[in-house]
N, C-alpha and C. Protein backbone atom coordinates (compact mmCIF):
# COMPACT_ATOMS: atom_id res chain seq x y z
N MET A 1 -9.57 0.74 -26.93
CA MET A 1 -9.21 1.24 -25.63
C MET A 1 -9.65 2.70 -25.55
N THR A 2 -10.27 3.06 -24.44
CA THR A 2 -10.77 4.41 -24.27
C THR A 2 -10.08 5.08 -23.09
N LEU A 3 -10.24 6.37 -23.01
CA LEU A 3 -9.70 7.13 -21.89
C LEU A 3 -10.64 7.05 -20.70
N VAL A 4 -10.08 7.05 -19.52
CA VAL A 4 -10.87 6.99 -18.29
C VAL A 4 -10.93 8.39 -17.70
N ASP A 5 -12.12 8.83 -17.36
CA ASP A 5 -12.31 10.15 -16.77
C ASP A 5 -12.12 10.05 -15.26
N VAL A 6 -11.06 10.64 -14.76
CA VAL A 6 -10.78 10.62 -13.32
C VAL A 6 -10.99 11.99 -12.69
N SER A 7 -11.72 12.85 -13.36
CA SER A 7 -11.92 14.20 -12.83
C SER A 7 -12.85 14.20 -11.61
N ASN A 8 -13.63 13.15 -11.41
CA ASN A 8 -14.53 13.08 -10.26
C ASN A 8 -13.87 12.49 -9.02
N VAL A 9 -12.63 12.07 -9.13
CA VAL A 9 -11.92 11.50 -7.99
C VAL A 9 -11.39 12.65 -7.13
N PRO A 10 -11.74 12.67 -5.83
CA PRO A 10 -11.24 13.75 -4.97
C PRO A 10 -9.72 13.68 -4.83
N LEU A 11 -9.12 14.84 -4.68
CA LEU A 11 -7.67 14.92 -4.57
C LEU A 11 -7.16 14.17 -3.34
N THR A 12 -7.90 14.24 -2.24
CA THR A 12 -7.46 13.54 -1.02
C THR A 12 -7.46 12.03 -1.21
N LEU A 13 -8.45 11.50 -1.93
CA LEU A 13 -8.49 10.06 -2.21
C LEU A 13 -7.32 9.66 -3.09
N PHE A 14 -7.02 10.47 -4.09
CA PHE A 14 -5.90 10.16 -4.98
C PHE A 14 -4.58 10.15 -4.22
N ILE A 15 -4.34 11.16 -3.40
CA ILE A 15 -3.09 11.24 -2.64
C ILE A 15 -3.01 10.10 -1.64
N LEU A 16 -4.11 9.80 -0.96
CA LEU A 16 -4.15 8.69 -0.01
C LEU A 16 -3.83 7.37 -0.71
N GLY A 17 -4.40 7.16 -1.87
CA GLY A 17 -4.14 5.94 -2.63
C GLY A 17 -2.69 5.82 -3.06
N VAL A 18 -2.13 6.90 -3.54
CA VAL A 18 -0.74 6.88 -3.99
C VAL A 18 0.21 6.61 -2.82
N VAL A 19 -0.01 7.29 -1.71
CA VAL A 19 0.87 7.11 -0.55
C VAL A 19 0.80 5.69 -0.02
N PHE A 20 -0.41 5.16 0.11
CA PHE A 20 -0.53 3.81 0.65
C PHE A 20 -0.04 2.76 -0.34
N LEU A 21 -0.24 2.96 -1.63
CA LEU A 21 0.29 2.00 -2.60
C LEU A 21 1.81 1.98 -2.57
N LEU A 22 2.41 3.15 -2.50
CA LEU A 22 3.88 3.20 -2.40
C LEU A 22 4.36 2.55 -1.12
N LEU A 23 3.66 2.77 -0.01
CA LEU A 23 4.05 2.17 1.26
C LEU A 23 3.89 0.66 1.23
N ILE A 24 2.75 0.17 0.78
CA ILE A 24 2.49 -1.27 0.79
C ILE A 24 3.45 -2.01 -0.13
N PHE A 25 3.57 -1.57 -1.37
CA PHE A 25 4.43 -2.29 -2.31
C PHE A 25 5.90 -2.08 -2.01
N GLY A 26 6.24 -0.94 -1.41
CA GLY A 26 7.62 -0.74 -0.97
C GLY A 26 8.00 -1.71 0.13
N LEU A 27 7.10 -1.90 1.10
CA LEU A 27 7.37 -2.85 2.18
C LEU A 27 7.42 -4.29 1.65
N LEU A 28 6.55 -4.62 0.69
CA LEU A 28 6.59 -5.96 0.12
C LEU A 28 7.90 -6.22 -0.60
N SER A 29 8.34 -5.27 -1.41
CA SER A 29 9.60 -5.47 -2.14
C SER A 29 10.79 -5.48 -1.19
N PHE A 30 10.74 -4.66 -0.13
CA PHE A 30 11.81 -4.67 0.86
C PHE A 30 11.85 -6.00 1.60
N GLY A 31 10.67 -6.57 1.87
CA GLY A 31 10.61 -7.88 2.51
C GLY A 31 11.19 -8.97 1.64
N ILE A 32 10.88 -8.93 0.35
CA ILE A 32 11.45 -9.92 -0.58
C ILE A 32 12.96 -9.77 -0.65
N LEU A 33 13.44 -8.54 -0.71
CA LEU A 33 14.88 -8.29 -0.73
C LEU A 33 15.55 -8.85 0.51
N ARG A 34 14.95 -8.61 1.67
CA ARG A 34 15.53 -9.11 2.92
C ARG A 34 15.52 -10.64 2.97
N MET A 35 14.49 -11.26 2.41
CA MET A 35 14.45 -12.73 2.37
C MET A 35 15.59 -13.27 1.52
N PHE A 36 15.86 -12.63 0.37
CA PHE A 36 16.97 -13.06 -0.48
C PHE A 36 18.32 -12.83 0.20
N GLN A 37 18.38 -11.86 1.09
CA GLN A 37 19.62 -11.59 1.82
C GLN A 37 19.76 -12.45 3.07
N GLN A 38 18.87 -13.42 3.24
CA GLN A 38 18.89 -14.35 4.38
C GLN A 38 18.64 -13.64 5.71
N GLN A 39 17.97 -12.51 5.69
CA GLN A 39 17.59 -11.81 6.91
C GLN A 39 16.08 -11.99 7.09
N PHE A 40 15.72 -13.19 7.57
CA PHE A 40 14.33 -13.60 7.56
C PHE A 40 13.47 -12.79 8.53
N ARG A 41 14.00 -12.44 9.68
CA ARG A 41 13.20 -11.69 10.65
C ARG A 41 12.82 -10.31 10.09
N ALA A 42 13.78 -9.62 9.50
CA ALA A 42 13.48 -8.31 8.90
C ALA A 42 12.51 -8.45 7.73
N GLY A 43 12.63 -9.54 6.99
CA GLY A 43 11.71 -9.78 5.89
C GLY A 43 10.29 -10.00 6.36
N TRP A 44 10.12 -10.81 7.41
CA TRP A 44 8.78 -11.05 7.94
C TRP A 44 8.20 -9.79 8.56
N TYR A 45 9.04 -8.97 9.19
CA TYR A 45 8.54 -7.71 9.73
C TYR A 45 8.05 -6.79 8.60
N SER A 46 8.74 -6.80 7.49
CA SER A 46 8.31 -5.98 6.35
C SER A 46 7.00 -6.49 5.78
N PHE A 47 6.86 -7.81 5.69
CA PHE A 47 5.59 -8.37 5.22
C PHE A 47 4.45 -8.02 6.17
N ALA A 48 4.72 -8.11 7.46
CA ALA A 48 3.70 -7.76 8.46
C ALA A 48 3.34 -6.28 8.36
N GLY A 49 4.33 -5.43 8.14
CA GLY A 49 4.07 -4.01 7.96
C GLY A 49 3.22 -3.73 6.74
N ALA A 50 3.45 -4.48 5.67
CA ALA A 50 2.63 -4.32 4.46
C ALA A 50 1.19 -4.74 4.72
N ILE A 51 1.01 -5.82 5.47
CA ILE A 51 -0.35 -6.28 5.78
C ILE A 51 -1.06 -5.28 6.68
N VAL A 52 -0.37 -4.77 7.68
CA VAL A 52 -0.96 -3.77 8.56
C VAL A 52 -1.30 -2.50 7.79
N SER A 53 -0.43 -2.09 6.89
CA SER A 53 -0.69 -0.90 6.08
C SER A 53 -1.92 -1.11 5.20
N PHE A 54 -2.06 -2.31 4.65
CA PHE A 54 -3.22 -2.60 3.82
C PHE A 54 -4.51 -2.55 4.64
N VAL A 55 -4.47 -3.11 5.83
CA VAL A 55 -5.66 -3.11 6.69
C VAL A 55 -6.03 -1.67 7.07
N VAL A 56 -5.05 -0.86 7.42
CA VAL A 56 -5.30 0.54 7.75
C VAL A 56 -5.86 1.29 6.54
N PHE A 57 -5.33 1.01 5.36
CA PHE A 57 -5.81 1.64 4.14
C PHE A 57 -7.27 1.27 3.88
N MET A 58 -7.61 0.00 4.04
CA MET A 58 -9.00 -0.42 3.84
C MET A 58 -9.93 0.20 4.89
N PHE A 59 -9.46 0.31 6.13
CA PHE A 59 -10.25 0.94 7.18
C PHE A 59 -10.52 2.40 6.85
N ILE A 60 -9.49 3.12 6.42
CA ILE A 60 -9.66 4.54 6.08
C ILE A 60 -10.59 4.70 4.88
N LEU A 61 -10.43 3.85 3.88
CA LEU A 61 -11.32 3.93 2.72
C LEU A 61 -12.77 3.67 3.11
N GLY A 62 -12.98 2.67 3.94
CA GLY A 62 -14.33 2.35 4.38
C GLY A 62 -14.95 3.42 5.26
N LYS A 63 -14.13 4.07 6.04
CA LYS A 63 -14.63 5.09 6.98
C LYS A 63 -14.91 6.42 6.27
N TRP A 64 -14.02 6.83 5.36
CA TRP A 64 -14.13 8.16 4.75
C TRP A 64 -14.78 8.19 3.37
N TYR A 65 -14.62 7.14 2.59
CA TYR A 65 -15.03 7.24 1.18
C TYR A 65 -16.13 6.27 0.77
N LEU A 66 -16.51 5.33 1.62
CA LEU A 66 -17.59 4.40 1.22
C LEU A 66 -18.81 4.57 2.07
């Protein structure tokens, strides 16, 4: 196993990735929690929010960094 050099990653890309990953996986876990609590509408809204966040993240990555 070797070390990965991340010094060429721009700070804005790193921050954008961290924020969106926290948002997407937070919404997914919140949706799963709501489903277990039998609050299906709130759970589906959280899943939809995660999907929308992912699409926005991919759009921003494609527009600014690719």
